Amino acid sequence: MLIRPTIERDIERLPGVERSAAQAFTNWPALAWLAQGVVLDCAAHMAFVEAGGSWVAEDSAGRIVGFACARLADQALHLHEISVCQEVQGQGVGRQLIQQVVDAARCAGVSELTLTTFIDVPWNAPLYMRLGFEVIDEGLLSARLREILAIEHAHGLHGRCAMRLCLVV
């Protein structure tokens, strides 16, 4: 699996990857609607590419099977989206993409990598915890993370939390 920066010609494929990834939610009744939900559009992907915050996972046949998008915010790199095609989920592609984002955060010299995710979905918060992320107590959330969670809640995303991976020792 090759993890590399996203280039402009990759962008048109990324919404399809995200739609495929969302099919994992069909077995979660409260979240099944996400399988048909809105995905990042090409303009949003282009903004991540232009900011240097987008990477793809490409298989040996040159097919894009996953992506991650992140953006610098305060003293953090925030992971906005990570998606892996349903047929290759559970094979370590997501972990490789997360490692790329961690490496990018370290290169940027930020103190932490942040994200928001579902608390109880096994391939969400529990996976991130195994990778060293910690849930941020609600009372310790920055204004930026509170705002992200509020926007997600307004869009019907309930049962979410903010997490961080501290990058300074």
Protein backbone atom coordinates (compact mmCIF):
# COMPACT_ATOMS: atom_id res chain seq x y z
CA MET A 1 0.00 0.00 0.00
CA LEU A 2 1.39 3.38 -1.00
CA ILE A 3 0.44 6.38 1.12
CA ARG A 4 1.13 9.61 -0.75
CA PRO A 5 -0.02 13.22 -0.96
CA THR A 6 -3.26 13.68 -2.84
CA ILE A 7 -2.90 15.31 -6.25
CA GLU A 8 -5.57 17.12 -8.22
CA ARG A 9 -6.41 14.20 -10.51
CA ASP A 10 -7.19 12.03 -7.44
CA ILE A 11 -9.93 14.33 -6.17
CA GLU A 12 -12.78 13.08 -8.36
CA ARG A 13 -12.33 9.58 -6.88
CA LEU A 14 -12.45 10.60 -3.22
CA PRO A 15 -16.24 11.08 -2.81
CA GLY A 16 -16.69 7.48 -4.03
CA VAL A 17 -14.17 6.24 -1.47
CA GLU A 18 -16.04 8.07 1.29
CA ARG A 19 -19.41 6.65 0.12
CA SER A 20 -17.93 3.15 0.12
CA ALA A 21 -16.48 3.65 3.60
CA ALA A 22 -19.84 4.84 4.92
CA GLN A 23 -21.45 1.52 3.99
CA ALA A 24 -19.94 0.14 7.22
CA PHE A 25 -22.66 2.06 9.07
CA THR A 26 -25.52 0.10 7.47
CA ASN A 27 -25.36 -2.43 10.32
CA TRP A 28 -25.72 0.29 12.97
CA PRO A 29 -29.45 1.18 13.00
CA ALA A 30 -28.97 4.60 14.63
CA LEU A 31 -26.29 5.53 12.08
CA ALA A 32 -27.43 3.63 8.98
CA TRP A 33 -28.49 6.92 7.37
CA LEU A 34 -24.77 7.79 7.04
CA ALA A 35 -24.45 5.16 4.31
CA GLN A 36 -26.51 7.49 2.11
CA GLY A 37 -25.27 10.73 3.68
CA VAL A 38 -23.48 13.72 2.27
CA VAL A 39 -19.75 13.36 1.60
CA LEU A 40 -17.03 15.95 1.11
CA ASP A 41 -17.34 17.52 -2.31
CA CYS A 42 -14.49 18.06 -4.76
CA ALA A 43 -14.09 21.73 -3.76
CA ALA A 44 -13.55 20.75 -0.12
CA HIS A 45 -11.02 18.12 -1.18
CA MET A 46 -9.21 20.68 -3.34
CA ALA A 47 -8.90 23.03 -0.36
CA PHE A 48 -7.25 20.26 1.68
CA VAL A 49 -4.91 19.45 -1.22
CA GLU A 50 -3.95 23.10 -1.67
CA ALA A 51 -3.22 23.38 2.05
CA GLY A 52 -1.00 20.28 1.93
CA GLY A 53 -3.33 18.33 4.21
CA SER A 54 -4.58 15.43 2.10
CA TRP A 55 -3.18 11.95 1.53
CA VAL A 56 -4.41 8.89 -0.33
CA ALA A 57 -3.82 5.17 0.04
CA GLU A 58 -3.14 3.58 -3.33
CA ASP A 59 -3.12 -0.19 -3.82
CA SER A 60 -0.66 -2.09 -6.02
CA ALA A 61 -2.99 -1.69 -9.02
CA GLY A 62 -2.96 2.11 -8.63
CA ARG A 63 -6.51 2.22 -7.24
CA ILE A 64 -7.22 4.78 -4.49
CA VAL A 65 -8.71 2.84 -1.58
CA GLY A 66 -8.54 5.43 1.18
CA PHE A 67 -7.80 9.03 2.08
CA ALA A 68 -7.23 11.33 5.02
CA CYS A 69 -7.76 15.11 5.19
CA ALA A 70 -6.36 17.35 7.92
CA ARG A 71 -5.89 21.05 8.55
CA LEU A 72 -3.73 23.10 10.91
CA ALA A 73 -5.71 24.81 13.66
CA ASP A 74 -4.14 26.59 16.61
CA GLN A 75 -1.31 24.35 17.85
CA ALA A 76 -2.94 21.22 16.44
CA LEU A 77 -3.36 19.37 13.22
CA HIS A 78 -7.04 18.41 13.05
CA LEU A 79 -8.03 15.23 11.21
CA HIS A 80 -11.26 16.16 9.44
CA GLU A 81 -11.93 12.95 7.55
CA ILE A 82 -10.46 9.51 7.06
CA SER A 83 -12.20 7.02 4.79
CA VAL A 84 -11.26 3.55 3.58
CA CYS A 85 -13.17 1.62 0.89
CA GLN A 86 -15.39 -1.01 2.43
CA GLU A 87 -13.69 -3.92 0.68
CA VAL A 88 -10.29 -3.19 2.26
CA GLN A 89 -11.45 -2.14 5.73
CA GLY A 90 -9.75 -4.04 8.52
CA GLN A 91 -6.52 -4.50 6.56
CA GLY A 92 -4.51 -1.69 8.15
CA VAL A 93 -5.10 0.97 5.49
CA GLY A 94 -6.69 3.35 8.00
CA ARG A 95 -3.80 2.84 10.43
CA GLN A 96 -1.30 3.69 7.69
CA LEU A 97 -3.22 6.85 6.80
CA ILE A 98 -3.39 7.85 10.47
CA GLN A 99 0.37 7.31 10.78
CA GLN A 100 0.88 9.62 7.79
CA VAL A 101 -1.20 12.32 9.49
CA VAL A 102 0.76 11.83 12.74
CA ASP A 103 4.02 12.20 10.80
CA ALA A 104 2.70 15.36 9.10
CA ALA A 105 1.70 16.81 12.48
CA ARG A 106 5.17 16.14 13.87
CA CYS A 107 6.79 17.74 10.80
CA ALA A 108 4.56 20.78 11.26
CA GLY A 109 5.79 21.08 14.84
CA VAL A 110 2.33 21.13 16.39
CA SER A 111 1.72 19.86 19.90
CA GLU A 112 -1.21 17.57 19.14
CA LEU A 113 -3.33 15.82 16.55
CA THR A 114 -7.07 16.22 17.17
CA LEU A 115 -10.21 14.67 15.72
CA THR A 116 -13.87 14.11 16.46
CA THR A 117 -15.47 10.69 16.17
CA PHE A 118 -18.20 8.37 17.39
CA ILE A 119 -17.65 7.18 20.95
CA ASP A 120 -19.12 3.67 20.63
CA VAL A 121 -18.46 2.64 17.03
CA PRO A 122 -15.61 0.05 17.18
CA TRP A 123 -13.69 1.45 14.21
CA ASN A 124 -13.93 4.98 15.62
CA ALA A 125 -13.00 6.04 19.20
CA PRO A 126 -11.98 2.52 20.35
CA LEU A 127 -9.59 2.23 17.39
CA TYR A 128 -8.11 5.67 18.00
CA MET A 129 -7.61 4.79 21.69
CA ARG A 130 -5.61 1.72 20.67
CA LEU A 131 -3.44 4.07 18.59
CA GLY A 132 -2.72 6.31 21.58
CA PHE A 133 -5.44 8.95 21.27
CA GLU A 134 -7.33 10.02 24.37
CA VAL A 135 -10.86 11.35 24.75
CA ILE A 136 -10.82 15.00 25.78
CA ASP A 137 -13.03 15.65 28.79
CA GLU A 138 -15.92 17.89 27.81
CA GLY A 139 -14.88 20.53 30.34
CA LEU A 140 -11.42 20.74 28.75
CA LEU A 141 -12.52 21.19 25.15
CA SER A 142 -11.12 24.18 23.30
CA ALA A 143 -13.57 26.58 21.68
CA ARG A 144 -12.55 25.14 18.29
CA LEU A 145 -13.44 21.56 19.26
CA ARG A 146 -16.66 22.62 21.01
CA GLU A 147 -17.70 24.39 17.80
CA ILE A 148 -16.89 21.35 15.62
CA LEU A 149 -18.90 19.05 17.90
CA ALA A 150 -21.83 21.52 17.94
CA ILE A 151 -21.87 21.68 14.13
CA GLU A 152 -21.74 17.88 13.91
CA HIS A 153 -24.58 17.60 16.44
CA ALA A 154 -26.66 20.06 14.40
CA HIS A 155 -26.15 17.79 11.37
CA GLY A 156 -27.50 14.77 13.26
CA LEU A 157 -24.19 13.31 14.41
CA HIS A 158 -24.83 12.31 18.02
CA GLY A 159 -22.67 10.27 20.38
CA ARG A 160 -19.49 12.03 19.29
CA CYS A 161 -16.39 12.99 21.24
CA ALA A 162 -13.19 14.91 20.62
CA MET A 163 -9.87 13.11 20.92
CA ARG A 164 -6.23 14.06 20.83
CA LEU A 165 -2.85 12.49 20.42
CA CYS A 166 -0.21 14.51 22.27
CA LEU A 167 2.93 14.87 20.17
CA VAL A 168 5.21 16.52 22.71
CA VAL A 169 6.87 14.62 25.50
